[in-house]
Amino acid sequence: MYFLALATDFDGTIAHDGVVAAETCEALERLKASGRRLILVTGRELPDLLRIFPQTAMFDRVVAENGALLFDPQTGSETLLSPPPPESFVERLREKGVGPISVGRGIVATWEPHQTAILEAIREAGLELQIVFNKGAIMILPPGVNKASGLEAALRDLELSPHNVVAVGDAENDHALLAASGCGAAVANAVPAVKASADLRLTGDHGAGVAELADRMIREDAGLAPLPRHGIRLGIDRQGREVLLTPFGGNVLIAGGSGSGKSTLAIALTERIAERGFEFCVIDPEGDYIDLDHAVFIGTLRAPPPAAEALKLLRDDRVNLVVNTQALHRPERRLLGEAMLNQVGRLRRRTGRPHWLLIDEAHEVLPASARDDVPAGLADEGGTILVTAYPQSVAPDALRGVAIVVAAGGDAQETFTCLASTIGTRMPAQLPVAGPDEVVLWRPGSGDPPCCVKVARPIQVHRRHRGKYAAGDVGAARSFYFRGPSKAMNRPAHNLYHFLDIVEDVDDPTFEHHLRAGDYSAWFRHVIRDDDLAVEVARIESDAALPPQESRRRIRKAIWRRYAAPAEG
């Protein structure tokens, strides 16, 4: 379920001349029975609302006074969301003949045509106040207080995100409400400007339109979501069309070999997710995401991430989270990943957040060898991005939830073949050849052929450290010498880049000789003076189960992650 709540206006929306029809209440009850929340957002003062609409108790929260007051019908608690109106200002209005006047906890309300006198009173009093019109009514409030700010307070109480809310209204003061939601709807009797700005224009007026919307939410759910509001930009295809990823409609697989740029692409996606105000969580086994500009990090190279702290942070809708599991061995990473996914699944069902879950090195977190069921956090409803160099090593159940495949580098044939065989679909007849900065995208269930998409690089720099050790010369006495088990070789590496070149070139016996002796981590610690790099490489050196190719890849990645170098996937 994607849309978890309906926020509705009262007068002119669920109510006609102050009366809510029984059929409208029944439709709202059906929507609530589907597991969704109800929020009433009105310009009325609370005592007046409770007097004419005793069914207020069906709502989870009520925002009254056009955003100035929050009310919990279950507990009866009231929270004032704005300063009270100055008594001297109200008296000045009366002196100018403005009336009738209604004074609430945070609002002053009257009727047209007193707007000129109100503006004069505001100017004379030297106050900063705003005037809001609503079909002949005039509301005076502090700046920044409106139905959108009130909805934000209600959603924070309910631990929901505006992206997962549908809002409906009819009048001028509903513009902010509709714009602050994930889908804005207008009843048929709405003023033309509200209809023009709404995502949905309902055929029914007043309560009949709200009943129509409630039934559509139950029936269509994410089908109501406007793509411009919910899509995350992947890039542009060769026809110049924008390609979007959405947090519903299936998961995403990004696959490619070492150095293909898949992690760079994933980092760029996290930037766009954050820009759009969505929340994300990254499970990061190898520390690729530890310097994102828009996230909070738990776990370090030496200290594993506390799962309880992760869940606490995820409950805050203003926090994007990176869970770094570098300090754990592979089996421990998988267990923690499984626990995290289960927690994320439960949180998503209740709050819709995090909207996006990114799992790097997905073959480690969700290995094909695991016999357990895929955790609930990986439901095929969408919102999960799997990043891997080895799609064939990812749990088949996780791959079956994939709706979009993105092949980075030159591995499109292998990636698509793996997925096609797993989900039981035919391979595309032809695969396009990706150009520079392009990936190949395929939607297996759509019937559309794969296409090339030009992707943008992330704004933030992926590598953290630059310096003489990367490209300079540490000197002959401090260089790393590749000699091998029989000392038949004597190849010096004068800096990290030179080291990377030689590591790729030497034979396995030479590489493994220094690996098992701990020579690499010793050089990084004593010459390069990078203790974190030394600790990470020492863990690789101690893992005898890793084949030489994988050990090479991990060492290379550990270096590239810290020093300016070509993009590593």
Protein backbone atom coordinates (compact mmCIF):
# COMPACT_ATOMS: atom_id res chain seq x y z
CA MET A 1 0.00 0.00 0.00
CA TYR A 2 1.50 3.34 -1.09
CA PHE A 3 -1.07 5.98 -0.14
CA LEU A 4 -1.61 5.61 3.60
CA ALA A 5 -3.82 8.58 4.43
CA LEU A 6 -6.48 10.93 3.11
CA ALA A 7 -6.46 14.58 4.17
CA THR A 8 -9.77 16.28 3.44
CA ASP A 9 -11.20 19.76 3.76
CA PHE A 10 -14.57 20.14 5.50
CA ASP A 11 -16.79 22.92 4.12
CA GLY A 12 -17.51 22.45 0.43
CA THR A 13 -15.67 19.13 0.36
CA ILE A 14 -17.02 16.43 2.69
CA ALA A 15 -19.72 18.84 3.91
CA HIS A 16 -22.47 20.61 1.95
CA ASP A 17 -23.89 23.59 3.83
CA GLY A 18 -22.28 22.24 7.00
CA VAL A 19 -23.81 18.75 6.70
CA VAL A 20 -21.88 15.54 5.92
CA ALA A 21 -24.02 12.92 4.17
CA ALA A 22 -24.23 9.42 5.63
CA GLU A 23 -22.89 7.99 2.35
CA THR A 24 -19.79 10.15 2.68
CA CYS A 25 -19.16 8.92 6.23
CA GLU A 26 -19.59 5.33 5.07
CA ALA A 27 -17.00 5.84 2.30
CA LEU A 28 -14.55 7.32 4.81
CA GLU A 29 -15.11 4.36 7.13
CA ARG A 30 -14.38 1.98 4.24
CA LEU A 31 -11.15 3.80 3.57
CA LYS A 32 -10.17 3.62 7.22
CA ALA A 33 -11.00 -0.10 7.31
CA SER A 34 -8.46 -0.59 4.50
CA GLY A 35 -5.73 0.39 6.98
CA ARG A 36 -5.42 4.03 5.99
CA ARG A 37 -5.52 7.14 8.19
CA LEU A 38 -8.00 10.02 7.99
CA ILE A 39 -7.05 13.66 8.59
CA LEU A 40 -9.57 16.51 8.61
CA VAL A 41 -8.12 19.91 7.65
CA THR A 42 -10.47 22.85 8.05
CA GLY A 43 -10.61 26.59 8.53
CA ARG A 44 -13.30 26.22 11.18
CA GLU A 45 -12.67 26.70 14.85
CA LEU A 46 -12.71 23.46 16.83
CA PRO A 47 -15.77 24.06 19.10
CA ASP A 48 -17.88 24.96 16.06
CA LEU A 49 -16.68 21.88 14.16
CA LEU A 50 -17.41 19.50 17.05
CA ARG A 51 -20.87 21.00 17.44
CA ILE A 52 -21.99 20.47 13.84
CA PHE A 53 -19.99 17.29 13.08
CA PRO A 54 -19.97 14.81 15.99
CA GLN A 55 -18.46 12.10 13.72
CA THR A 56 -15.10 13.86 14.03
CA ALA A 57 -13.96 10.86 16.09
CA MET A 58 -13.51 8.81 12.91
CA PHE A 59 -10.50 11.00 12.04
CA ASP A 60 -7.02 10.26 13.35
CA ARG A 61 -6.14 13.96 13.52
CA VAL A 62 -7.98 17.24 12.96
CA VAL A 63 -6.21 20.38 11.78
CA ALA A 64 -8.46 23.33 12.66
CA GLU A 65 -8.26 27.10 12.18
CA ASN A 66 -6.60 26.74 8.78
CA GLY A 67 -3.46 25.19 10.28
CA ALA A 68 -3.26 26.99 13.61
CA LEU A 69 -4.54 24.16 15.84
CA LEU A 70 -3.95 20.38 15.93
CA PHE A 71 -6.51 18.14 17.65
CA ASP A 72 -6.38 14.43 18.48
CA PRO A 73 -10.00 13.15 18.64
CA GLN A 74 -8.92 9.97 20.45
CA THR A 75 -7.26 11.71 23.39
CA GLY A 76 -8.86 15.14 23.20
CA SER A 77 -5.44 16.83 23.24
CA GLU A 78 -5.02 20.18 21.49
CA THR A 79 -1.75 21.66 20.23
CA LEU A 80 -1.56 25.31 19.24
CA LEU A 81 0.60 25.63 16.12
CA SER A 82 0.76 29.42 15.99
CA PRO A 83 0.89 32.38 18.37
CA PRO A 84 -2.52 33.69 19.49
CA PRO A 85 -3.88 36.82 17.77
CA PRO A 86 -3.01 40.07 19.59
CA GLU A 87 -6.01 41.47 21.46
CA SER A 88 -5.04 45.00 20.42
CA PHE A 89 -5.26 43.98 16.76
CA VAL A 90 -8.74 42.49 17.22
CA GLU A 91 -9.87 45.64 18.99
CA ARG A 92 -8.49 47.77 16.15
CA LEU A 93 -10.56 45.73 13.67
CA ARG A 94 -13.71 46.38 15.69
CA GLU A 95 -12.92 50.09 15.80
CA LYS A 96 -12.82 50.06 12.00
CA GLY A 97 -16.27 48.50 11.84
CA VAL A 98 -15.11 45.03 10.80
CA GLY A 99 -17.70 42.46 11.74
CA PRO A 100 -18.82 39.92 12.50
CA ILE A 101 -15.45 38.80 13.89
CA SER A 102 -14.63 35.33 15.18
CA VAL A 103 -11.48 34.94 17.27
CA GLY A 104 -10.02 31.47 17.68
CA ARG A 105 -6.91 30.11 19.37
CA GLY A 106 -4.71 31.30 16.51
CA ILE A 107 -7.06 32.69 13.86
CA VAL A 108 -9.16 35.80 13.35
CA ALA A 109 -11.98 35.33 10.84
CA THR A 110 -14.54 37.59 9.20
CA TRP A 111 -16.15 38.11 5.79
CA GLU A 112 -15.74 40.17 2.67
CA PRO A 113 -15.73 43.08 1.90
CA HIS A 114 -13.61 44.03 4.93
CA GLN A 115 -10.23 43.21 3.35
CA THR A 116 -9.22 46.85 2.89
CA ALA A 117 -9.93 47.70 6.52
CA ILE A 118 -8.03 44.59 7.62
CA LEU A 119 -4.96 45.58 5.60
CA GLU A 120 -5.07 49.07 7.11
CA ALA A 121 -5.28 47.60 10.62
CA ILE A 122 -2.31 45.31 9.97
CA ARG A 123 -0.25 48.23 8.63
CA GLU A 124 -1.18 50.56 11.47
CA ALA A 125 -0.39 47.91 14.11
CA GLY A 126 2.97 47.13 12.50
CA LEU A 127 2.20 43.40 12.45
CA GLU A 128 3.29 40.67 10.07
CA LEU A 129 0.06 38.82 9.29
CA GLN A 130 -1.38 37.13 6.22
CA ILE A 131 -4.90 37.26 4.78
CA VAL A 132 -6.42 34.08 3.32
CA PHE A 133 -9.63 34.11 1.27
CA ASN A 134 -12.08 31.23 1.24
CA LYS A 135 -15.24 31.68 -0.86
CA GLY A 136 -16.17 34.99 0.75
CA ALA A 137 -14.66 34.27 4.15
CA ILE A 138 -11.49 36.07 5.26
CA MET A 139 -8.97 34.44 7.63
CA ILE A 140 -6.12 36.33 9.29
CA LEU A 141 -3.16 34.24 10.44
CA PRO A 142 0.55 34.55 11.25
CA PRO A 143 2.86 34.10 8.24
CA GLY A 144 3.64 30.50 7.34
CA VAL A 145 0.51 29.13 9.03
CA ASN A 146 -1.77 27.40 6.55
CA LYS A 147 -3.30 24.03 5.83
CA ALA A 148 0.04 22.69 4.57
CA SER A 149 1.86 23.56 7.81
CA GLY A 150 -0.99 22.06 9.82
CA LEU A 151 -0.92 18.89 7.73
CA GLU A 152 2.84 18.64 8.30
CA ALA A 153 2.30 18.73 12.07
CA ALA A 154 -0.42 16.07 11.87
CA LEU A 155 1.74 13.80 9.73
CA ARG A 156 4.67 14.15 12.12
CA ASP A 157 2.36 13.00 14.90
CA LEU A 158 1.32 9.99 12.81
CA GLU A 159 4.88 9.29 11.52
CA LEU A 160 3.72 9.63 7.93
CA SER A 161 5.26 11.40 4.94
CA PRO A 162 3.37 13.92 2.77
CA HIS A 163 4.32 11.80 -0.26
CA ASN A 164 2.02 9.04 1.02
CA VAL A 165 -1.02 11.26 1.51
CA VAL A 166 -3.87 12.13 -0.87
CA ALA A 167 -5.50 15.52 -0.19
CA VAL A 168 -8.85 16.84 -1.43
CA GLY A 169 -10.39 20.30 -1.30
CA ASP A 170 -12.49 22.90 -3.05
CA ALA A 171 -11.53 26.47 -2.16
CA GLU A 172 -8.74 29.04 -2.28
CA ASN A 173 -7.30 28.05 1.09
CA ASP A 174 -6.87 24.44 -0.12
CA HIS A 175 -4.11 25.24 -2.63
CA ALA A 176 -1.38 24.74 -0.01
CA LEU A 177 -2.99 21.52 1.24
CA LEU A 178 -3.13 19.94 -2.20
CA ALA A 179 0.41 21.05 -3.09
CA ALA A 180 1.82 19.57 0.14
CA SER A 181 0.44 16.09 -0.54
CA GLY A 182 1.48 13.21 -2.76
CA CYS A 183 -1.68 13.62 -4.85
CA GLY A 184 -4.03 16.61 -4.82
CA ALA A 185 -7.68 16.16 -5.81
CA ALA A 186 -10.48 18.68 -6.41
CA VAL A 187 -14.18 17.94 -5.99
CA ALA A 188 -16.43 18.92 -8.90
CA ASN A 189 -17.68 22.05 -7.12
CA ALA A 190 -14.15 23.39 -6.52
CA VAL A 191 -13.21 26.87 -7.68
CA PRO A 192 -11.58 26.88 -11.15
CA ALA A 193 -8.09 27.70 -9.85
CA VAL A 194 -8.12 24.70 -7.49
CA LYS A 195 -9.33 22.41 -10.28
CA ALA A 196 -6.59 23.71 -12.56
CA SER A 197 -3.83 22.94 -10.05
CA ALA A 198 -5.17 19.55 -8.90
CA ASP A 199 -3.71 16.23 -9.99
CA LEU A 200 -7.20 14.66 -9.98
CA ARG A 201 -10.47 16.32 -10.91
CA LEU A 202 -13.30 14.30 -9.40
CA THR A 203 -16.66 13.91 -11.13
CA GLY A 204 -18.70 14.09 -7.91
CA ASP A 205 -19.30 17.27 -5.96
CA HIS A 206 -18.91 17.71 -2.20
CA GLY A 207 -19.15 14.41 -0.28
CA ALA A 208 -19.94 12.36 -3.39
CA GLY A 209 -16.59 13.41 -4.84
CA VAL A 210 -14.79 12.44 -1.63
CA ALA A 211 -16.54 9.04 -1.65
CA GLU A 212 -15.40 8.60 -5.26
CA LEU A 213 -11.83 9.42 -4.23
CA ALA A 214 -11.91 7.07 -1.22
CA ASP A 215 -13.01 4.15 -3.39
CA ARG A 216 -10.36 4.96 -5.99
CA MET A 217 -7.67 5.01 -3.31
CA ILE A 218 -8.69 1.51 -2.21
CA ARG A 219 -8.90 0.24 -5.77
CA GLU A 220 -5.98 2.01 -7.48
CA ASP A 221 -3.62 3.10 -4.67
CA ALA A 222 -0.29 4.06 -6.31
CA GLY A 223 -2.05 4.27 -9.66
CA LEU A 224 -3.25 7.69 -8.51
CA ALA A 225 0.30 8.97 -7.98
CA PRO A 226 1.35 11.65 -10.50
CA LEU A 227 4.74 10.65 -11.92
CA PRO A 228 6.20 14.20 -11.88
CA ARG A 229 5.74 14.26 -8.09
CA HIS A 230 6.98 10.77 -7.33
CA GLY A 231 9.50 9.93 -10.06
CA ILE A 232 13.26 10.00 -9.48
CA ARG A 233 15.24 10.97 -12.57
CA LEU A 234 17.53 8.23 -13.85
CA GLY A 235 18.49 10.07 -17.02
CA ILE A 236 17.47 10.82 -20.61
CA ASP A 237 16.95 8.23 -23.35
CA ARG A 238 18.13 8.70 -26.94
CA GLN A 239 14.76 10.19 -27.93
CA GLY A 240 15.24 12.94 -25.35
CA ARG A 241 12.62 11.56 -22.96
CA GLU A 242 13.12 11.68 -19.21
CA VAL A 243 13.39 8.24 -17.60
CA LEU A 244 11.98 8.06 -14.07
CA LEU A 245 12.18 5.49 -11.28
CA THR A 246 9.26 5.34 -8.84
CA PRO A 247 9.05 3.93 -5.30
CA PHE A 248 6.19 1.67 -6.39
CA GLY A 249 5.55 -0.77 -9.22
CA GLY A 250 8.48 -3.12 -8.63
CA ASN A 251 12.12 -3.01 -7.58
CA VAL A 252 15.25 -1.92 -9.47
CA LEU A 253 18.40 -3.94 -10.19
CA ILE A 254 21.62 -2.09 -11.04
CA ALA A 255 24.30 -4.52 -12.17
CA GLY A 256 27.74 -4.22 -13.69
CA GLY A 257 31.28 -5.38 -13.24
CA SER A 258 34.02 -3.75 -11.23
CA GLY A 259 34.67 -0.22 -12.45
CA SER A 260 31.37 -0.03 -14.37
CA GLY A 261 30.17 2.99 -12.39
CA LYS A 262 27.17 1.33 -10.75
CA SER A 263 27.97 2.70 -7.29
CA THR A 264 28.50 6.15 -8.79
CA LEU A 265 25.06 5.89 -10.38
CA ALA A 266 23.56 4.73 -7.09
CA ILE A 267 25.08 7.72 -5.29
CA ALA A 268 23.61 10.05 -7.93
CA LEU A 269 20.20 8.48 -7.33
CA THR A 270 20.45 9.10 -3.58
CA GLU A 271 21.07 12.77 -4.36
CA ARG A 272 17.91 12.95 -6.45
CA ILE A 273 15.89 11.05 -3.87
CA ALA A 274 16.95 13.56 -1.22
CA GLU A 275 16.25 16.52 -3.52
CA ARG A 276 12.65 15.34 -3.96
CA GLY A 277 12.14 15.03 -0.20
CA PHE A 278 11.90 11.24 -0.13
CA GLU A 279 13.60 9.24 2.61
CA PHE A 280 16.17 6.54 1.85
CA CYS A 281 18.14 3.88 3.69
CA VAL A 282 21.37 2.39 2.33
CA ILE A 283 22.76 -0.96 3.46
CA ASP A 284 26.46 -0.49 2.73
CA PRO A 285 28.69 -3.55 3.21
CA GLU A 286 31.87 -1.97 1.83
CA GLY A 287 31.76 1.69 2.86
CA ASP A 288 30.95 3.17 -0.55
CA TYR A 289 28.39 5.60 0.87
CA ILE A 290 30.01 6.77 4.09
CA ASP A 291 30.45 10.36 2.88
CA LEU A 292 27.06 11.16 1.36
CA ASP A 293 26.27 14.82 1.92
CA HIS A 294 22.61 14.19 2.72
CA ALA A 295 22.66 11.24 5.12
CA VAL A 296 23.38 10.10 8.67
CA PHE A 297 25.81 7.19 9.11
CA ILE A 298 25.97 4.41 11.65
CA GLY A 299 28.68 1.77 11.78
CA THR A 300 32.37 2.23 11.04
CA LEU A 301 35.26 0.17 9.82
CA ARG A 302 35.82 -1.02 13.39
CA ALA A 303 32.37 -0.79 15.03
CA PRO A 304 29.28 -2.58 13.68
CA PRO A 305 26.07 -0.56 13.36
CA PRO A 306 23.57 -0.92 16.24
CA ALA A 307 20.29 -2.17 14.78
CA ALA A 308 18.18 -0.45 17.45
CA GLU A 309 19.76 2.92 16.66
CA ALA A 310 19.12 2.35 12.95
CA LEU A 311 15.41 1.79 13.54
CA LYS A 312 15.19 4.86 15.76
CA LEU A 313 16.76 7.01 13.06
CA LEU A 314 14.54 5.57 10.34
CA ARG A 315 11.45 6.62 12.27
CA ASP A 316 12.50 10.25 11.83
CA ASP A 317 11.16 11.34 8.44
CA ARG A 318 13.89 13.97 8.16
CA VAL A 319 16.76 11.45 8.27
CA ASN A 320 18.34 9.51 5.42
CA LEU A 321 20.40 6.64 6.79
CA VAL A 322 23.52 4.75 5.70
CA VAL A 323 24.14 1.49 7.59
CA ASN A 324 27.83 0.61 7.22
CA THR A 325 28.51 -3.09 7.90
CA GLN A 326 32.24 -3.12 7.07
CA ALA A 327 33.16 -4.22 10.60
CA LEU A 328 31.23 -7.48 10.19
CA HIS A 329 32.22 -10.71 8.47
CA ARG A 330 30.07 -11.94 5.60
CA PRO A 331 27.76 -14.21 7.63
CA GLU A 332 27.24 -11.45 10.19
CA ARG A 333 26.53 -8.94 7.42
CA ARG A 334 23.84 -11.21 6.04
CA LEU A 335 22.21 -11.66 9.44
CA LEU A 336 22.23 -7.94 10.14
CA GLY A 337 20.96 -7.22 6.64
CA GLU A 338 18.10 -9.67 7.13
CA ALA A 339 17.19 -8.06 10.47
CA MET A 340 17.33 -4.59 8.92
CA LEU A 341 15.15 -5.63 6.00
CA ASN A 342 12.53 -7.10 8.32
CA GLN A 343 12.50 -3.89 10.37
CA VAL A 344 12.25 -1.77 7.24
CA GLY A 345 9.37 -3.92 6.01
CA ARG A 346 7.40 -3.40 9.21
CA LEU A 347 8.12 0.33 9.22
CA ARG A 348 7.10 0.67 5.58
CA ARG A 349 3.78 -1.07 6.11
CA ARG A 350 2.97 1.34 8.93
CA THR A 351 4.48 4.63 7.72
CA GLY A 352 5.44 4.16 4.05
CA ARG A 353 9.05 5.02 4.90
CA PRO A 354 11.83 4.79 3.99
CA HIS A 355 10.52 5.34 0.47
CA TRP A 356 13.71 3.91 -1.03
CA LEU A 357 15.92 1.09 0.25
CA LEU A 358 19.28 0.74 -1.50
CA ILE A 359 21.19 -2.51 -0.95
CA ASP A 360 24.77 -2.39 -2.19
CA GLU A 361 26.65 -5.65 -2.75
CA ALA A 362 23.23 -7.31 -2.83
CA HIS A 363 24.83 -10.70 -3.47
CA GLU A 364 26.30 -10.51 0.05
CA VAL A 365 23.18 -9.28 1.84
CA LEU A 366 20.80 -11.53 -0.14
CA PRO A 367 22.95 -14.43 -1.37
CA ALA A 368 21.51 -17.08 -3.66
CA SER A 369 22.84 -19.71 -1.23
CA ALA A 370 20.51 -18.53 1.55
CA ARG A 371 17.59 -20.89 2.05
CA ASP A 372 15.47 -18.49 4.08
CA ASP A 373 12.62 -16.53 2.56
CA VAL A 374 13.42 -13.05 1.32
CA PRO A 375 12.58 -10.57 4.11
CA ALA A 376 9.33 -8.62 3.94
CA GLY A 377 11.24 -5.38 3.37
CA LEU A 378 11.86 -6.59 -0.19
CA ALA A 379 8.22 -6.83 -1.21
CA ASP A 380 7.78 -6.49 -4.96
CA GLU A 381 5.65 -3.36 -4.48
CA GLY A 382 8.81 -1.39 -5.19
CA GLY A 383 11.10 1.13 -3.58
CA THR A 384 14.15 -1.17 -3.40
CA ILE A 385 17.34 -0.79 -5.46
CA LEU A 386 19.66 -3.81 -5.59
CA VAL A 387 23.26 -3.03 -6.62
CA THR A 388 25.59 -5.90 -7.47
CA ALA A 389 28.42 -7.08 -9.67
CA TYR A 390 27.09 -10.64 -9.52
CA PRO A 391 23.34 -10.81 -10.24
CA GLN A 392 23.59 -14.58 -10.63
CA SER A 393 24.59 -14.75 -6.95
CA VAL A 394 21.55 -12.83 -5.67
CA ALA A 395 18.65 -14.74 -4.11
CA PRO A 396 16.15 -15.66 -6.87
CA ASP A 397 13.20 -14.48 -4.76
CA ALA A 398 14.79 -11.03 -4.56
CA LEU A 399 15.27 -10.92 -8.34
CA ARG A 400 11.65 -11.91 -8.99
CA GLY A 401 10.53 -8.60 -7.51
CA VAL A 402 12.62 -6.64 -10.04
CA ALA A 403 10.66 -4.58 -12.58
CA ILE A 404 13.53 -2.49 -13.96
CA VAL A 405 17.04 -3.70 -14.80
CA VAL A 406 19.87 -1.22 -15.33
CA ALA A 407 23.05 -2.68 -16.82
CA ALA A 408 26.15 -0.54 -16.26
CA GLY A 409 29.35 -1.13 -18.19
CA GLY A 410 29.47 -3.90 -20.77
CA ASP A 411 27.55 -6.62 -18.93
CA ALA A 412 24.02 -6.08 -20.29
CA GLN A 413 23.84 -9.49 -21.99
CA GLU A 414 24.91 -11.38 -18.86
CA THR A 415 22.73 -9.30 -16.54
CA PHE A 416 19.59 -9.60 -18.66
CA THR A 417 20.12 -13.31 -19.27
CA CYS A 418 20.40 -13.93 -15.54
CA LEU A 419 17.22 -12.03 -14.76
CA ALA A 420 15.25 -13.50 -17.66
CA SER A 421 16.04 -17.05 -16.58
CA THR A 422 15.18 -16.27 -12.95
CA ILE A 423 11.80 -14.65 -13.57
CA GLY A 424 10.89 -16.89 -16.51
CA THR A 425 10.70 -14.38 -19.34
CA ARG A 426 12.22 -14.17 -22.79
CA MET A 427 15.41 -12.30 -23.50
CA PRO A 428 15.07 -9.24 -25.72
CA ALA A 429 15.71 -9.93 -29.39
CA GLN A 430 18.37 -7.22 -29.55
CA LEU A 431 20.41 -5.27 -27.05
CA PRO A 432 21.58 -1.72 -27.80
CA VAL A 433 25.20 -0.81 -27.26
CA ALA A 434 25.66 1.78 -24.55
CA GLY A 435 27.79 4.83 -25.26
CA PRO A 436 29.79 6.99 -22.83
CA ASP A 437 27.83 7.81 -19.65
CA GLU A 438 25.03 5.52 -20.79
CA VAL A 439 23.42 2.48 -19.20
CA VAL A 440 21.08 -0.05 -20.76
CA LEU A 441 17.62 -0.18 -19.18
CA TRP A 442 15.09 -2.99 -19.56
CA ARG A 443 11.58 -3.39 -18.13
CA PRO A 444 11.05 -7.16 -18.47
CA GLY A 445 7.30 -7.11 -17.86
CA SER A 446 6.48 -4.21 -20.17
CA GLY A 447 7.12 -5.78 -23.56
CA ASP A 448 9.25 -2.76 -24.48
CA PRO A 449 12.76 -3.33 -25.87
CA PRO A 450 15.78 -2.26 -23.81
CA CYS A 451 16.95 1.30 -24.32
CA CYS A 452 20.06 3.33 -23.62
CA VAL A 453 19.81 6.04 -20.99
CA LYS A 454 22.34 8.82 -20.50
CA VAL A 455 22.86 9.25 -16.77
CA ALA A 456 24.27 12.24 -14.92
CA ARG A 457 27.15 11.91 -12.51
CA PRO A 458 26.64 12.77 -8.83
CA ILE A 459 27.24 16.31 -7.67
CA GLN A 460 29.34 15.31 -4.68
CA VAL A 461 32.80 13.88 -5.09
CA HIS A 462 32.80 10.13 -4.51
CA ARG A 463 36.39 9.90 -3.29
CA ARG A 464 37.45 11.41 -0.01
CA HIS A 465 41.22 11.87 0.01
CA ARG A 466 43.69 13.33 -2.44
CA GLY A 467 47.42 13.66 -1.93
CA LYS A 468 50.94 12.68 -2.76
CA TYR A 469 50.41 9.02 -1.91
CA ALA A 470 47.90 8.62 -4.74
CA ALA A 471 49.98 9.88 -7.66
CA GLY A 472 53.30 11.14 -6.23
CA ASP A 473 56.45 9.20 -5.41
CA VAL A 474 57.11 7.83 -1.93
CA GLY A 475 60.73 7.13 -2.88
CA ALA A 476 62.64 3.95 -3.62
CA ALA A 477 63.18 3.05 0.02
CA ARG A 478 59.47 3.30 0.84
CA SER A 479 58.02 1.77 -2.33
CA PHE A 480 56.14 -1.53 -2.25
CA TYR A 481 58.15 -4.31 -3.95
CA PHE A 482 56.33 -7.22 -5.59
CA ARG A 483 58.79 -10.12 -5.33
CA GLY A 484 56.67 -13.27 -5.13
CA PRO A 485 57.24 -16.52 -3.21
CA SER A 486 60.53 -17.32 -4.97
CA LYS A 487 61.74 -13.70 -5.06
CA ALA A 488 62.11 -14.01 -8.83
CA MET A 489 60.47 -10.60 -9.31
CA ASN A 490 61.34 -7.11 -8.08
CA ARG A 491 58.66 -4.65 -9.26
CA PRO A 492 58.37 -1.46 -7.20
CA ALA A 493 55.13 0.51 -6.74
CA HIS A 494 55.98 4.17 -6.05
CA ASN A 495 52.42 5.28 -5.21
CA LEU A 496 48.91 3.92 -4.87
CA TYR A 497 48.02 4.27 -8.54
CA HIS A 498 51.17 2.41 -9.53
CA PHE A 499 50.34 -0.21 -6.89
CA LEU A 500 46.90 -0.72 -8.44
CA ASP A 501 48.38 -1.19 -11.91
CA ILE A 502 50.84 -3.84 -10.70
CA VAL A 503 48.25 -5.66 -8.57
CA GLU A 504 46.20 -6.19 -11.72
CA ASP A 505 49.22 -7.37 -13.69
CA VAL A 506 51.05 -9.83 -11.40
CA ASP A 507 50.18 -13.53 -11.38
CA ASP A 508 48.08 -15.10 -8.64
CA PRO A 509 50.96 -16.77 -6.75
CA THR A 510 52.78 -13.43 -6.44
CA PHE A 511 49.65 -11.59 -5.42
CA GLU A 512 48.66 -14.23 -2.87
CA HIS A 513 52.17 -14.46 -1.41
CA HIS A 514 52.03 -10.84 -0.26
CA LEU A 515 48.35 -11.09 0.63
CA ARG A 516 48.79 -13.97 3.07
CA ALA A 517 51.91 -12.38 4.56
CA GLY A 518 49.95 -9.22 5.39
CA ASP A 519 52.37 -7.12 3.34
CA TYR A 520 49.71 -4.92 1.74
CA SER A 521 48.10 -3.76 4.98
CA ALA A 522 51.54 -3.20 6.53
CA TRP A 523 52.54 -0.90 3.65
CA PHE A 524 49.28 1.03 3.86
CA ARG A 525 49.74 1.50 7.61
CA HIS A 526 53.44 2.37 7.81
CA VAL A 527 54.11 4.09 4.49
CA ILE A 528 50.78 5.42 3.22
CA ARG A 529 49.81 6.15 6.86
CA ASP A 530 46.17 5.30 6.33
CA ASP A 531 45.09 3.18 9.30
CA ASP A 532 41.51 2.77 8.07
CA LEU A 533 42.71 1.45 4.72
CA ALA A 534 45.14 -0.86 6.51
CA VAL A 535 42.41 -2.27 8.75
CA GLU A 536 40.08 -2.90 5.82
CA VAL A 537 42.78 -4.60 3.75
CA ALA A 538 43.89 -6.68 6.74
CA ARG A 539 40.36 -8.10 6.88
CA ILE A 540 40.65 -9.05 3.23
CA GLU A 541 44.05 -10.63 3.85
CA SER A 542 42.63 -12.74 6.67
CA ASP A 543 39.75 -14.14 4.60
CA ALA A 544 41.24 -17.31 3.13
CA ALA A 545 37.95 -18.21 1.43
CA LEU A 546 38.21 -15.34 -1.05
CA PRO A 547 39.57 -16.22 -4.50
CA PRO A 548 42.42 -14.02 -5.79
CA GLN A 549 40.16 -12.16 -8.22
CA GLU A 550 37.77 -11.15 -5.44
CA SER A 551 40.60 -10.17 -3.08
CA ARG A 552 42.08 -7.99 -5.81
CA ARG A 553 38.71 -6.36 -6.44
CA ARG A 554 38.18 -5.57 -2.77
CA ILE A 555 41.63 -4.09 -2.29
CA ARG A 556 41.26 -1.99 -5.41
CA LYS A 557 37.85 -0.80 -4.28
CA ALA A 558 39.12 0.05 -0.80
CA ILE A 559 41.79 2.28 -2.33
CA TRP A 560 39.55 3.92 -4.92
CA ARG A 561 36.97 4.67 -2.27
CA ARG A 562 39.50 6.80 -0.38
CA TYR A 563 41.60 8.35 -3.11
CA ALA A 564 40.80 10.21 -6.31
CA ALA A 565 40.73 7.59 -9.05
CA PRO A 566 38.54 6.38 -11.92
CA ALA A 567 34.95 5.66 -10.87
CA GLU A 568 34.58 2.23 -9.33
CA GLY A 569 31.30 0.33 -9.35
